[in-house]
Amino acid sequence: MPSTGLHWNVLDEALIRWRSHPTGTACSASLPQLLAALAANEVRDFPALRPHQRHPWHAFLVQLAAMALHYAGQSEPWLNAPDWRAALLALTPGDPDGAAWCLVTPPDRPALLQAPVPGENPATWNNLWHAPDALDMLVTSKNHDLKAARARAAQADDWLFALLSLQTQEGFLGAGNYGISRMNGGFASRPGVGVAPVGAWGARWRADMASVLAQRSTVAEQFGLAHEGGHGLLWLLPWSGADSLALLVLDPLYIEVCRRVRLGMVGGKVQAHATGSKVARIAAKESNGVTGDAWAPIDTAQSKALTVSRNGFDYKLMSELLAGAQYTQGAAWRLNDWPQDAHLQAVAQATVRGQGKTEGYHERRVPISPKLRRKIAGDQRPLVARQAKRRIDAIAQMRKLLWTALALLFANGESDSGSDAVSNRASRFTQPFEQQEDARFFDDLNFQVEAEGEAQDAAVYLAWLLGLAERAEAVLTNAFHAGPRSAMQRYKAQSAAMSRFHAGLRGGKKPLFQELVTHYATQRENARPAPHSTPSPQGDALA
């Protein structure tokens, strides 16, 4: 539509690439066609979507579809594109020509995820990008892990995903560059945590959409948002950068834009212009990210949204999210109302931000068996939390014991070297042990969750603890090659390290693992020869 200055209309043009489920056939669709395909659970994935853009795109599709259904008075998603198109267009009554759904429009008109800037010329703004990955929210200035501005031959959905990532999950990045309202502070992250069925993209989309629709009024009431008539698509409102919006005028499912960005078409190629703002688009600093976001766990005691650290969703955090009491989950965390045999998983996603840097994209999926679901959804949730906590404490104790033995090995068998080099080497060799336990933690925990009765529960835990000790000892043994090289020091160091490790397992004044102490004592008792019998050569073995 060159004559009107409108380009890349997602309502009518097949601009979004996706692959079908289950065949993987490459497809392209308009936004209404895509929503119809999602409703039919025909979408497997999106080949142009980068990993850190997955949650923003999922959240966008859920929020947008839920708003369209709500204002159309519909409870179930449509299976045909014309109905979706009409509902989406109804969300932008001031732009009946579909301008608000175009990626490129004149500056005084809204464009998709871009607020209108009447009276301004974006071509004069101070930032200009020719590639969508340069526009995206990732900090890639050092060009180490991920090269910047390499997507020069980008297509429309590349720009759409980058724009969405910037506008809905960016944080503070210097004066004039404010972040989103849906996270706890400018250097935090927007988490995406929920329970989803295992399967194609559409299954999770449909489940989350049903949840946010069901809890819409509750979210408005609890978080001070507008029950009806609030602003939902914030790119429809002009923004000079000098004014903010209060939460009370926003729809419970609002989709925000945190930066003043405009795409333009020059010589048939798209480029992005951006400038700063004097204030954040939404005045929600005091809310600490508590905005009713369906995928944001809230620290109940401190009343702030979860901020994921550089450790990502490690076994400690995931255990707390699954069964702990620290966080109140959002609408996307739904454990009930599923079929008995439903295959579910806990999904956790976040791009972790630091001060002027990115601490990586983190994603974890933990299977939730029917029995685990019943327990954590009912009155046995504290039991699962205690089981997980017991294992977390055991791993921490085993890691400490392993580190002590490794430090003794690298100190040539001398107990108190006090060397930073020795400590650093011991830490480097200990870290893979904890990473290994992290990777298998929930599979192992599930065996205990499935146990029937106290006796089987204790047996499963003891078997896991014995395996934990064996894996730690294997790490220590494998480190022998990095220890002293001379024969005299080598054997002394290896013997001292192994003795320290075994002593920590088998007791002492303060046993670290009482279950192992009891186990080894029972083995010795059972292996003791009966009176007047011939002792076995292995009769006093401890392990």
Protein backbone atom coordinates (compact mmCIF):
# COMPACT_ATOMS: atom_id res chain seq x y z
CA MET A 1 0.00 0.00 0.00
CA PRO A 2 2.64 2.59 -1.02
CA SER A 3 0.12 5.34 -1.73
CA THR A 4 -0.99 5.50 1.91
CA GLY A 5 2.41 4.86 3.43
CA LEU A 6 1.22 1.58 5.03
CA HIS A 7 3.48 -1.45 4.66
CA TRP A 8 3.56 -5.00 6.02
CA ASN A 9 -0.01 -5.34 7.26
CA VAL A 10 -0.16 -8.46 9.48
CA LEU A 11 -3.97 -8.53 9.25
CA ASP A 12 -3.98 -9.27 5.53
CA GLU A 13 -0.50 -10.32 4.43
CA ALA A 14 1.07 -13.73 5.04
CA LEU A 15 4.13 -12.32 6.80
CA ILE A 16 4.58 -14.72 9.73
CA ARG A 17 6.48 -17.93 9.05
CA TRP A 18 5.58 -21.08 10.98
CA ARG A 19 5.82 -24.85 10.66
CA SER A 20 2.91 -27.20 10.91
CA HIS A 21 2.31 -29.87 13.54
CA PRO A 22 3.23 -32.69 13.26
CA THR A 23 4.74 -32.70 9.75
CA GLY A 24 6.92 -29.60 10.02
CA THR A 25 5.71 -28.24 6.69
CA ALA A 26 6.80 -24.63 6.14
CA CYS A 27 3.89 -22.16 6.09
CA SER A 28 3.28 -18.41 6.07
CA ALA A 29 0.21 -16.70 7.47
CA SER A 30 -1.36 -13.43 8.41
CA LEU A 31 -1.99 -12.87 12.11
CA PRO A 32 -5.68 -13.91 11.88
CA GLN A 33 -4.73 -17.03 9.94
CA LEU A 34 -2.08 -17.85 12.53
CA LEU A 35 -4.56 -17.50 15.41
CA ALA A 36 -6.96 -19.83 13.61
CA ALA A 37 -4.15 -22.35 13.14
CA LEU A 38 -3.24 -22.08 16.83
CA ALA A 39 -6.87 -22.67 17.80
CA ALA A 40 -6.77 -25.87 15.72
CA ASN A 41 -3.41 -26.82 17.33
CA GLU A 42 -1.72 -26.95 13.93
CA VAL A 43 1.37 -24.86 14.78
CA ARG A 44 4.59 -26.62 15.77
CA ASP A 45 7.01 -23.68 15.93
CA PHE A 46 8.29 -20.50 14.29
CA PRO A 47 11.60 -20.86 12.41
CA ALA A 48 12.44 -17.13 12.55
CA LEU A 49 11.86 -16.89 16.30
CA ARG A 50 15.04 -16.66 18.38
CA PRO A 51 15.11 -18.43 21.78
CA HIS A 52 14.96 -15.26 23.90
CA GLN A 53 11.92 -14.10 21.90
CA ARG A 54 9.81 -17.19 22.70
CA HIS A 55 8.11 -15.93 25.83
CA PRO A 56 7.34 -12.40 24.53
CA TRP A 57 5.79 -13.91 21.40
CA HIS A 58 3.76 -16.46 23.36
CA ALA A 59 2.57 -13.81 25.84
CA PHE A 60 1.67 -11.43 22.99
CA LEU A 61 -0.43 -14.06 21.20
CA VAL A 62 -2.21 -15.04 24.43
CA GLN A 63 -2.92 -11.47 25.61
CA LEU A 64 -4.02 -10.31 22.18
CA ALA A 65 -6.33 -13.26 21.56
CA ALA A 66 -7.83 -13.04 25.06
CA MET A 67 -8.59 -9.33 24.64
CA ALA A 68 -10.19 -9.97 21.26
CA LEU A 69 -12.36 -12.75 22.67
CA HIS A 70 -13.36 -10.74 25.74
CA TYR A 71 -14.52 -7.65 23.87
CA ALA A 72 -16.32 -9.80 21.31
CA GLY A 73 -18.19 -11.60 24.11
CA GLN A 74 -16.68 -14.90 23.04
CA SER A 75 -15.39 -17.64 25.35
CA GLU A 76 -13.95 -20.06 22.79
CA PRO A 77 -11.36 -19.19 20.10
CA TRP A 78 -12.54 -19.01 16.52
CA LEU A 79 -11.32 -21.61 14.04
CA ASN A 80 -11.50 -19.33 11.01
CA ALA A 81 -9.39 -16.31 10.05
CA PRO A 82 -12.21 -13.86 9.08
CA ASP A 83 -13.65 -13.91 12.60
CA TRP A 84 -10.21 -13.30 14.09
CA ARG A 85 -9.60 -10.44 11.67
CA ALA A 86 -12.87 -8.76 12.57
CA ALA A 87 -12.17 -9.12 16.32
CA LEU A 88 -8.65 -7.72 16.02
CA LEU A 89 -9.79 -4.80 13.90
CA ALA A 90 -12.47 -4.08 16.51
CA LEU A 91 -9.68 -3.51 19.05
CA THR A 92 -8.48 -0.54 16.95
CA PRO A 93 -11.69 1.37 16.13
CA GLY A 94 -9.78 4.58 15.38
CA ASP A 95 -7.91 2.87 12.55
CA PRO A 96 -10.44 1.01 10.42
CA ASP A 97 -7.93 0.77 7.56
CA GLY A 98 -5.70 -1.49 9.66
CA ALA A 99 -2.85 0.98 10.11
CA ALA A 100 -2.34 -0.12 13.73
CA TRP A 101 -1.54 -3.60 12.42
CA CYS A 102 1.08 -2.45 9.91
CA LEU A 103 4.79 -2.46 10.74
CA VAL A 104 5.40 0.73 8.74
CA THR A 105 3.03 3.72 8.77
CA PRO A 106 3.36 7.54 8.69
CA PRO A 107 4.76 8.88 12.02
CA ASP A 108 1.49 10.51 13.07
CA ARG A 109 -0.38 7.20 12.90
CA PRO A 110 -0.03 4.13 15.12
CA ALA A 111 1.96 1.20 13.79
CA LEU A 112 2.18 -2.28 15.25
CA LEU A 113 3.99 -1.96 18.62
CA GLN A 114 4.94 1.65 17.77
CA ALA A 115 3.18 4.63 19.30
CA PRO A 116 2.33 7.54 16.97
CA VAL A 117 4.53 10.63 17.29
CA PRO A 118 2.53 13.47 15.64
CA GLY A 119 4.58 16.52 14.74
CA GLU A 120 7.89 14.64 14.91
CA ASN A 121 10.22 13.35 12.21
CA PRO A 122 11.77 10.03 13.29
CA ALA A 123 14.43 10.39 10.59
CA THR A 124 16.04 13.06 12.77
CA TRP A 125 16.16 10.86 15.88
CA ASN A 126 19.57 9.95 17.26
CA ASN A 127 19.47 6.15 16.84
CA LEU A 128 19.26 4.35 13.51
CA TRP A 129 19.36 0.59 12.89
CA HIS A 130 19.33 -1.29 9.61
CA ALA A 131 18.92 -4.81 11.06
CA PRO A 132 16.28 -6.16 13.46
CA ASP A 133 18.81 -7.88 15.73
CA ALA A 134 20.40 -4.48 16.36
CA LEU A 135 16.98 -3.21 17.46
CA ASP A 136 16.42 -6.20 19.76
CA MET A 137 16.89 -5.94 23.52
CA LEU A 138 20.04 -8.10 23.77
CA VAL A 139 23.27 -6.34 24.74
CA THR A 140 25.82 -7.65 22.22
CA SER A 141 28.39 -4.86 22.05
CA LYS A 142 31.38 -7.19 22.52
CA ASN A 143 30.20 -9.52 19.76
CA HIS A 144 31.36 -12.61 21.66
CA ASP A 145 28.50 -15.10 22.06
CA LEU A 146 26.08 -13.47 19.64
CA LYS A 147 27.00 -11.19 16.76
CA ALA A 148 25.08 -7.92 16.48
CA ALA A 149 23.39 -6.42 13.41
CA ARG A 150 23.93 -9.44 11.18
CA ALA A 151 20.31 -9.88 9.98
CA ARG A 152 20.63 -7.51 7.03
CA ALA A 153 18.42 -9.59 4.73
CA ALA A 154 15.59 -9.67 7.25
CA GLN A 155 11.96 -10.41 6.54
CA ALA A 156 8.88 -8.88 8.11
CA ASP A 157 8.58 -11.37 10.97
CA ASP A 158 12.25 -10.81 11.89
CA TRP A 159 11.40 -7.16 12.51
CA LEU A 160 8.15 -8.09 14.28
CA PHE A 161 9.86 -10.44 16.74
CA ALA A 162 12.71 -8.01 17.44
CA LEU A 163 10.29 -5.14 17.98
CA LEU A 164 8.15 -7.24 20.29
CA SER A 165 11.19 -8.37 22.28
CA LEU A 166 12.31 -4.77 22.76
CA GLN A 167 8.92 -3.34 23.66
CA THR A 168 7.72 -6.06 26.04
CA GLN A 169 10.83 -7.32 27.87
CA GLU A 170 13.45 -4.56 27.78
CA GLY A 171 14.84 -2.98 30.94
CA PHE A 172 16.63 0.23 31.83
CA LEU A 173 19.63 1.05 29.64
CA GLY A 174 20.79 4.54 30.50
CA ALA A 175 19.10 7.93 30.65
CA GLY A 176 16.00 8.13 28.49
CA ASN A 177 15.87 4.38 27.89
CA TYR A 178 13.29 3.07 30.35
CA GLY A 179 12.15 -0.52 30.71
CA ILE A 180 8.83 -2.29 30.97
CA SER A 181 6.44 -2.25 33.92
CA ARG A 182 6.10 -6.03 34.12
CA MET A 183 9.38 -6.69 35.95
CA ASN A 184 10.94 -5.81 39.27
CA GLY A 185 13.25 -2.91 38.42
CA GLY A 186 15.25 -1.77 35.44
CA PHE A 187 17.91 -4.48 35.74
CA ALA A 188 15.50 -7.34 36.40
CA SER A 189 13.91 -9.78 33.95
CA ARG A 190 10.43 -10.60 32.74
CA PRO A 191 9.92 -14.25 33.67
CA GLY A 192 7.66 -16.63 31.80
CA VAL A 193 6.60 -19.34 34.25
CA GLY A 194 3.58 -21.58 33.84
CA VAL A 195 2.17 -25.08 33.55
CA ALA A 196 1.65 -26.29 30.01
CA PRO A 197 0.59 -29.48 28.26
CA VAL A 198 3.32 -31.31 26.41
CA GLY A 199 2.77 -30.90 22.68
CA ALA A 200 2.53 -28.33 19.93
CA TRP A 201 2.60 -24.55 20.43
CA GLY A 202 -1.17 -24.23 20.21
CA ALA A 203 -1.84 -26.44 23.24
CA ARG A 204 -0.07 -24.08 25.63
CA TRP A 205 -1.51 -21.00 23.89
CA ARG A 206 -5.07 -22.26 24.27
CA ALA A 207 -4.59 -23.30 27.92
CA ASP A 208 -3.05 -19.97 28.93
CA MET A 209 -5.70 -18.01 27.05
CA ALA A 210 -8.46 -19.84 28.91
CA SER A 211 -6.72 -19.12 32.23
CA VAL A 212 -6.24 -15.39 31.68
CA LEU A 213 -9.83 -15.00 30.51
CA ALA A 214 -11.12 -16.83 33.58
CA GLN A 215 -9.04 -14.67 35.94
CA ARG A 216 -9.46 -11.35 34.17
CA SER A 217 -11.79 -9.77 36.75
CA THR A 218 -9.74 -11.10 39.66
CA VAL A 219 -6.55 -9.61 38.21
CA ALA A 220 -8.23 -6.23 37.68
CA GLU A 221 -9.46 -6.22 41.27
CA GLN A 222 -6.24 -7.38 42.92
CA PHE A 223 -3.77 -5.25 40.96
CA GLY A 224 -5.68 -2.01 40.48
CA LEU A 225 -6.33 -2.28 36.74
CA ALA A 226 -9.41 -1.23 34.77
CA HIS A 227 -12.25 -3.76 34.76
CA GLU A 228 -13.58 -2.54 31.42
CA GLY A 229 -12.57 0.06 28.84
CA GLY A 230 -8.93 0.25 29.84
CA HIS A 231 -6.13 0.76 27.34
CA GLY A 232 -5.01 -2.63 26.05
CA LEU A 233 -2.86 -1.92 22.98
CA LEU A 234 -0.62 0.89 24.14
CA TRP A 235 0.77 1.57 20.67
CA LEU A 236 -2.57 3.16 19.78
CA LEU A 237 -1.88 6.17 22.03
CA PRO A 238 0.36 9.06 20.89
CA TRP A 239 3.48 9.39 23.01
CA SER A 240 5.82 12.37 23.09
CA GLY A 241 7.98 10.76 25.77
CA ALA A 242 6.90 13.25 28.43
CA ASP A 243 3.85 11.51 29.90
CA SER A 244 3.20 8.22 31.69
CA LEU A 245 0.14 6.06 32.06
CA ALA A 246 -1.20 4.87 35.43
CA LEU A 247 -2.00 1.20 35.96
CA LEU A 248 -5.61 2.02 36.81
CA VAL A 249 -6.35 3.08 33.21
CA LEU A 250 -4.95 -0.11 31.68
CA ASP A 251 -6.67 -3.31 30.63
CA PRO A 252 -5.71 -6.34 32.78
CA LEU A 253 -4.11 -7.87 29.67
CA TYR A 254 -2.39 -4.72 28.42
CA ILE A 255 0.44 -5.07 25.89
CA GLU A 256 2.93 -2.31 26.50
CA VAL A 257 5.52 -0.41 24.48
CA CYS A 258 8.43 0.88 26.56
CA ARG A 259 10.48 2.69 23.87
CA ARG A 260 9.86 5.38 21.26
CA VAL A 261 10.67 3.46 18.10
CA ARG A 262 9.43 3.85 14.54
CA LEU A 263 10.13 1.67 11.52
CA GLY A 264 10.50 3.40 8.17
CA MET A 265 10.81 2.29 4.57
CA VAL A 266 13.70 3.83 2.63
CA GLY A 267 14.55 2.62 -0.87
CA GLY A 268 12.45 -0.50 -0.38
CA LYS A 269 14.33 -1.44 2.80
CA VAL A 270 13.17 -1.14 6.41
CA GLN A 271 15.16 0.73 9.01
CA ALA A 272 14.41 1.55 12.64
CA HIS A 273 14.65 4.99 14.25
CA ALA A 274 14.60 5.40 18.03
CA THR A 275 14.94 8.14 20.59
CA GLY A 276 14.69 8.44 24.35
CA SER A 277 11.87 9.52 26.63
CA LYS A 278 11.77 11.71 29.71
CA VAL A 279 9.69 9.22 31.68
CA ALA A 280 8.68 5.57 31.56
CA ARG A 281 5.57 4.82 29.51
CA ILE A 282 3.82 3.27 32.51
CA ALA A 283 4.15 4.81 35.97
CA ALA A 284 4.57 1.56 37.89
CA LYS A 285 7.94 1.86 39.60
CA GLU A 286 6.41 1.30 43.04
CA SER A 287 4.61 -1.84 41.91
CA ASN A 288 7.91 -3.81 41.69
CA GLY A 289 6.60 -5.73 38.71
CA VAL A 290 3.40 -6.80 40.48
CA THR A 291 1.03 -6.00 37.62
CA GLY A 292 -1.05 -9.14 37.23
CA ASP A 293 1.22 -10.66 34.59
CA ALA A 294 0.00 -14.21 34.03
CA TRP A 295 3.53 -15.64 33.90
CA ALA A 296 5.25 -13.72 36.72
CA PRO A 297 5.63 -15.45 40.12
CA ILE A 298 5.34 -12.96 42.97
CA ASP A 299 7.49 -13.13 46.10
CA THR A 300 4.64 -13.16 48.58
CA ALA A 301 6.49 -11.74 51.57
CA GLN A 302 8.25 -8.92 49.68
CA SER A 303 5.47 -8.24 47.16
CA LYS A 304 7.72 -8.12 44.10
CA ALA A 305 8.00 -10.06 40.88
CA LEU A 306 10.55 -12.82 40.54
CA THR A 307 13.94 -11.67 39.29
CA VAL A 308 15.95 -14.53 37.82
CA SER A 309 19.67 -14.51 38.61
CA ARG A 310 22.52 -15.52 36.34
CA ASN A 311 22.06 -19.09 37.66
CA GLY A 312 18.80 -19.25 35.75
CA PHE A 313 16.17 -21.77 36.72
CA ASP A 314 18.47 -24.08 38.63
CA TYR A 315 17.18 -26.98 40.72
CA LYS A 316 16.89 -24.78 43.81
CA LEU A 317 14.69 -22.13 42.21
CA MET A 318 12.63 -24.65 40.24
CA SER A 319 11.98 -26.66 43.43
CA GLU A 320 10.69 -23.51 45.10
CA LEU A 321 8.49 -22.66 42.13
CA LEU A 322 7.09 -26.18 41.96
CA ALA A 323 6.41 -26.93 45.60
CA GLY A 324 7.62 -24.09 47.82
CA ALA A 325 5.63 -21.41 49.59
CA GLN A 326 7.74 -18.35 48.72
CA TYR A 327 6.01 -17.43 45.45
CA THR A 328 2.42 -16.81 44.42
CA GLN A 329 1.99 -17.98 40.85
CA GLY A 330 0.16 -16.16 38.06
CA ALA A 331 -2.79 -17.26 35.97
CA ALA A 332 -0.62 -19.44 33.71
CA TRP A 333 0.21 -21.73 36.65
CA ARG A 334 -2.79 -24.04 36.49
CA LEU A 335 -2.62 -27.53 38.03
CA ASN A 336 -6.30 -28.39 38.21
CA ASP A 337 -8.94 -28.78 35.48
CA TRP A 338 -6.74 -31.09 33.41
CA PRO A 339 -7.64 -34.64 32.35
CA GLN A 340 -6.31 -37.31 34.70
CA ASP A 341 -3.82 -38.62 32.12
CA ALA A 342 -2.68 -35.21 30.83
CA HIS A 343 1.06 -34.92 30.18
CA LEU A 344 2.04 -31.63 31.80
CA GLN A 345 5.26 -29.72 32.30
CA ALA A 346 6.40 -26.70 34.24
CA VAL A 347 7.83 -24.17 31.77
CA ALA A 348 10.21 -21.45 32.96
CA GLN A 349 11.80 -18.88 30.62
CA ALA A 350 13.68 -15.63 31.15
CA THR A 351 16.36 -13.46 29.61
CA VAL A 352 18.51 -12.39 32.54
CA ARG A 353 19.72 -8.81 32.50
CA GLY A 354 22.56 -7.09 34.33
CA GLN A 355 23.85 -3.53 34.41
CA GLY A 356 24.67 -2.88 30.77
CA LYS A 357 24.92 -6.58 29.94
CA THR A 358 22.91 -9.72 29.38
CA GLU A 359 23.42 -12.72 31.69
CA GLY A 360 22.03 -15.19 29.20
CA TYR A 361 18.75 -16.73 28.14
CA HIS A 362 17.48 -19.46 30.48
CA GLU A 363 14.75 -21.99 29.82
CA ARG A 364 13.77 -25.11 31.72
CA ARG A 365 10.96 -27.61 31.36
CA VAL A 366 10.17 -30.05 34.19
CA PRO A 367 7.73 -32.93 33.56
CA ILE A 368 4.85 -33.08 36.05
CA SER A 369 3.53 -36.61 36.50
CA PRO A 370 -0.13 -37.13 37.50
CA LYS A 371 0.92 -38.12 41.02
CA LEU A 372 3.25 -35.13 41.43
CA ARG A 373 0.45 -32.88 40.15
CA ARG A 374 -1.99 -34.23 42.73
CA LYS A 375 0.50 -33.71 45.52
CA ILE A 376 1.61 -30.17 44.71
CA ALA A 377 -1.96 -29.12 43.93
CA GLY A 378 -3.25 -30.49 47.24
CA ASP A 379 -2.36 -30.72 50.90
CA GLN A 380 0.81 -32.78 50.24
CA ARG A 381 2.62 -29.85 48.67
CA PRO A 382 4.66 -29.20 51.89
CA LEU A 383 5.75 -32.87 51.83
CA VAL A 384 7.15 -32.51 48.30
CA ALA A 385 8.83 -29.26 49.34
CA ARG A 386 10.52 -31.05 52.28
CA GLN A 387 11.66 -33.90 50.05
CA ALA A 388 13.19 -31.45 47.59
CA LYS A 389 14.78 -29.39 50.37
CA ARG A 390 16.33 -32.50 51.90
CA ARG A 391 17.96 -33.37 48.60
CA ILE A 392 19.12 -29.79 48.02
CA ASP A 393 20.79 -29.80 51.46
CA ALA A 394 22.40 -33.17 50.75
CA ILE A 395 23.85 -31.94 47.45
CA ALA A 396 25.21 -28.84 49.19
CA GLN A 397 26.84 -30.97 51.91
CA MET A 398 28.27 -33.42 49.37
CA ARG A 399 29.60 -30.55 47.30
CA LYS A 400 31.30 -29.09 50.38
CA LEU A 401 32.83 -32.45 51.28
CA LEU A 402 34.01 -32.98 47.71
CA TRP A 403 35.55 -29.50 47.65
CA THR A 404 37.41 -30.19 50.90
CA ALA A 405 38.83 -33.43 49.51
CA LEU A 406 39.81 -31.78 46.23
CA ALA A 407 41.52 -28.91 48.06
CA LEU A 408 43.54 -31.46 50.04
CA LEU A 409 44.48 -33.23 46.80
CA PHE A 410 45.67 -30.03 45.12
CA ALA A 411 47.55 -28.99 48.28
CA ASN A 412 49.67 -32.16 48.01
CA GLY A 413 47.99 -33.71 51.01
CA GLU A 414 48.65 -30.77 53.34
CA SER A 415 45.59 -29.73 55.33
CA ASP A 416 46.03 -25.97 55.69
CA SER A 417 47.64 -24.47 52.61
CA GLY A 418 45.42 -21.35 52.45
CA SER A 419 46.26 -20.94 48.77
CA ASP A 420 43.84 -19.12 46.49
CA ALA A 421 45.11 -21.18 43.57
CA VAL A 422 44.22 -24.39 45.41
CA SER A 423 40.76 -23.07 46.30
CA ASN A 424 40.08 -21.98 42.74
CA ARG A 425 41.13 -25.35 41.31
CA ALA A 426 38.95 -27.19 43.80
CA SER A 427 36.00 -24.98 42.89
CA ARG A 428 36.51 -25.56 39.16
CA PHE A 429 36.43 -29.33 39.64
CA THR A 430 33.45 -29.19 42.01
CA GLN A 431 31.20 -27.11 39.76
CA PRO A 432 30.53 -29.86 37.17
CA PHE A 433 29.38 -32.14 40.00
CA GLU A 434 26.62 -29.74 41.00
CA GLN A 435 25.69 -29.14 37.36
CA GLN A 436 25.34 -32.89 36.90
CA GLU A 437 23.07 -33.14 39.92
CA ASP A 438 21.05 -30.18 38.67
CA ALA A 439 20.40 -31.91 35.35
CA ARG A 440 19.07 -35.09 36.98
CA PHE A 441 17.48 -33.57 40.08
CA PHE A 442 13.79 -33.71 39.12
CA ASP A 443 13.99 -37.15 37.51
CA ASP A 444 15.47 -38.45 40.77
CA LEU A 445 12.98 -36.55 42.92
CA ASN A 446 10.08 -37.98 40.95
CA PHE A 447 11.09 -41.53 41.95
CA GLN A 448 10.61 -40.51 45.58
CA VAL A 449 7.34 -38.74 44.82
CA GLU A 450 6.05 -41.95 43.24
CA ALA A 451 7.06 -44.05 46.27
CA GLU A 452 4.31 -45.75 48.26
CA GLY A 453 4.64 -45.62 52.04
CA GLU A 454 7.40 -44.51 54.40
CA ALA A 455 9.56 -47.62 53.95
CA GLN A 456 9.73 -47.28 50.17
CA ASP A 457 10.25 -43.53 50.50
CA ALA A 458 13.25 -44.08 52.79
CA ALA A 459 14.67 -46.78 50.50
CA VAL A 460 14.43 -44.56 47.42
CA TYR A 461 16.10 -41.67 49.23
CA LEU A 462 18.93 -43.89 50.53
CA ALA A 463 19.53 -45.31 47.04
CA TRP A 464 19.75 -41.76 45.68
CA LEU A 465 22.12 -40.73 48.48
CA LEU A 466 24.41 -43.70 47.79
CA GLY A 467 24.42 -42.77 44.10
CA LEU A 468 25.21 -39.16 45.01
CA ALA A 469 28.24 -40.33 47.01
CA GLU A 470 29.40 -42.56 44.14
CA ARG A 471 29.14 -39.71 41.63
CA ALA A 472 31.05 -37.36 43.94
CA GLU A 473 33.77 -39.97 44.45
CA ALA A 474 34.02 -40.40 40.68
CA VAL A 475 34.68 -36.65 40.34
CA LEU A 476 37.41 -36.90 42.96
CA THR A 477 39.00 -39.92 41.29
CA ASN A 478 38.93 -38.25 37.89
CA ALA A 479 40.72 -35.25 39.40
CA PHE A 480 43.70 -37.39 40.38
CA HIS A 481 45.32 -36.74 37.01
CA ALA A 482 45.35 -33.00 37.78
CA GLY A 483 46.98 -33.49 41.18
CA PRO A 484 50.70 -33.74 42.05
CA ARG A 485 52.93 -35.39 39.45
CA SER A 486 55.85 -36.64 41.50
CA ALA A 487 55.34 -40.16 42.83
CA MET A 488 55.88 -39.32 46.50
CA GLN A 489 53.47 -36.40 46.56
CA ARG A 490 50.96 -38.07 44.24
CA TYR A 491 50.23 -41.07 46.45
CA LYS A 492 50.27 -39.01 49.61
CA ALA A 493 47.82 -36.47 48.14
CA GLN A 494 45.49 -39.07 46.65
CA SER A 495 45.41 -41.11 49.84
CA ALA A 496 44.78 -38.06 52.02
CA ALA A 497 42.00 -36.77 49.74
CA MET A 498 40.22 -40.11 49.54
CA SER A 499 40.52 -40.63 53.30
CA ARG A 500 39.04 -37.20 53.93
CA PHE A 501 36.17 -37.93 51.57
CA HIS A 502 35.35 -41.33 53.09
CA ALA A 503 35.63 -40.01 56.63
CA GLY A 504 33.07 -37.34 55.80
CA LEU A 505 30.69 -39.98 54.44
CA ARG A 506 31.06 -42.48 57.25
CA GLY A 507 30.69 -40.31 60.29
CA GLY A 508 32.88 -38.41 62.69
CA LYS A 509 31.83 -36.15 65.51
CA LYS A 510 29.25 -34.40 63.30
CA PRO A 511 28.06 -36.81 60.59
CA LEU A 512 27.12 -35.03 57.39
CA PHE A 513 24.94 -37.90 56.18
CA GLN A 514 23.34 -39.80 59.03
CA GLU A 515 21.57 -42.14 56.62
CA LEU A 516 24.91 -43.24 55.14
CA VAL A 517 26.43 -43.69 58.59
CA THR A 518 23.53 -45.96 59.55
CA HIS A 519 23.75 -47.80 56.22
CA TYR A 520 27.47 -48.52 56.56
CA ALA A 521 27.05 -49.58 60.19
CA THR A 522 24.32 -52.02 59.16
CA GLN A 523 26.57 -53.40 56.42
CA ARG A 524 29.36 -54.00 58.92
CA GLU A 525 26.97 -55.72 61.33
CA ASN A 526 25.56 -57.96 58.61
CA ALA A 527 29.03 -58.80 57.29
CA ARG A 528 30.43 -59.73 60.73
CA PRO A 529 31.15 -63.49 60.88
CA ALA A 530 29.05 -65.59 63.23
CA PRO A 531 30.78 -67.07 66.30
CA HIS A 532 33.04 -70.06 65.52
CA SER A 533 32.79 -69.44 61.74
CA THR A 534 35.57 -68.65 59.29
CA PRO A 535 35.81 -64.90 58.55
CA SER A 536 35.33 -63.80 54.95
CA PRO A 537 38.17 -61.74 53.38
CA GLN A 538 35.60 -59.02 52.66
CA GLY A 539 33.77 -59.42 55.92
CA ASP A 540 34.50 -55.91 57.20
CA ALA A 541 33.92 -54.00 53.95
CA LEU A 542 32.23 -50.65 54.46
CA ALA A 543 30.84 -50.05 51.02
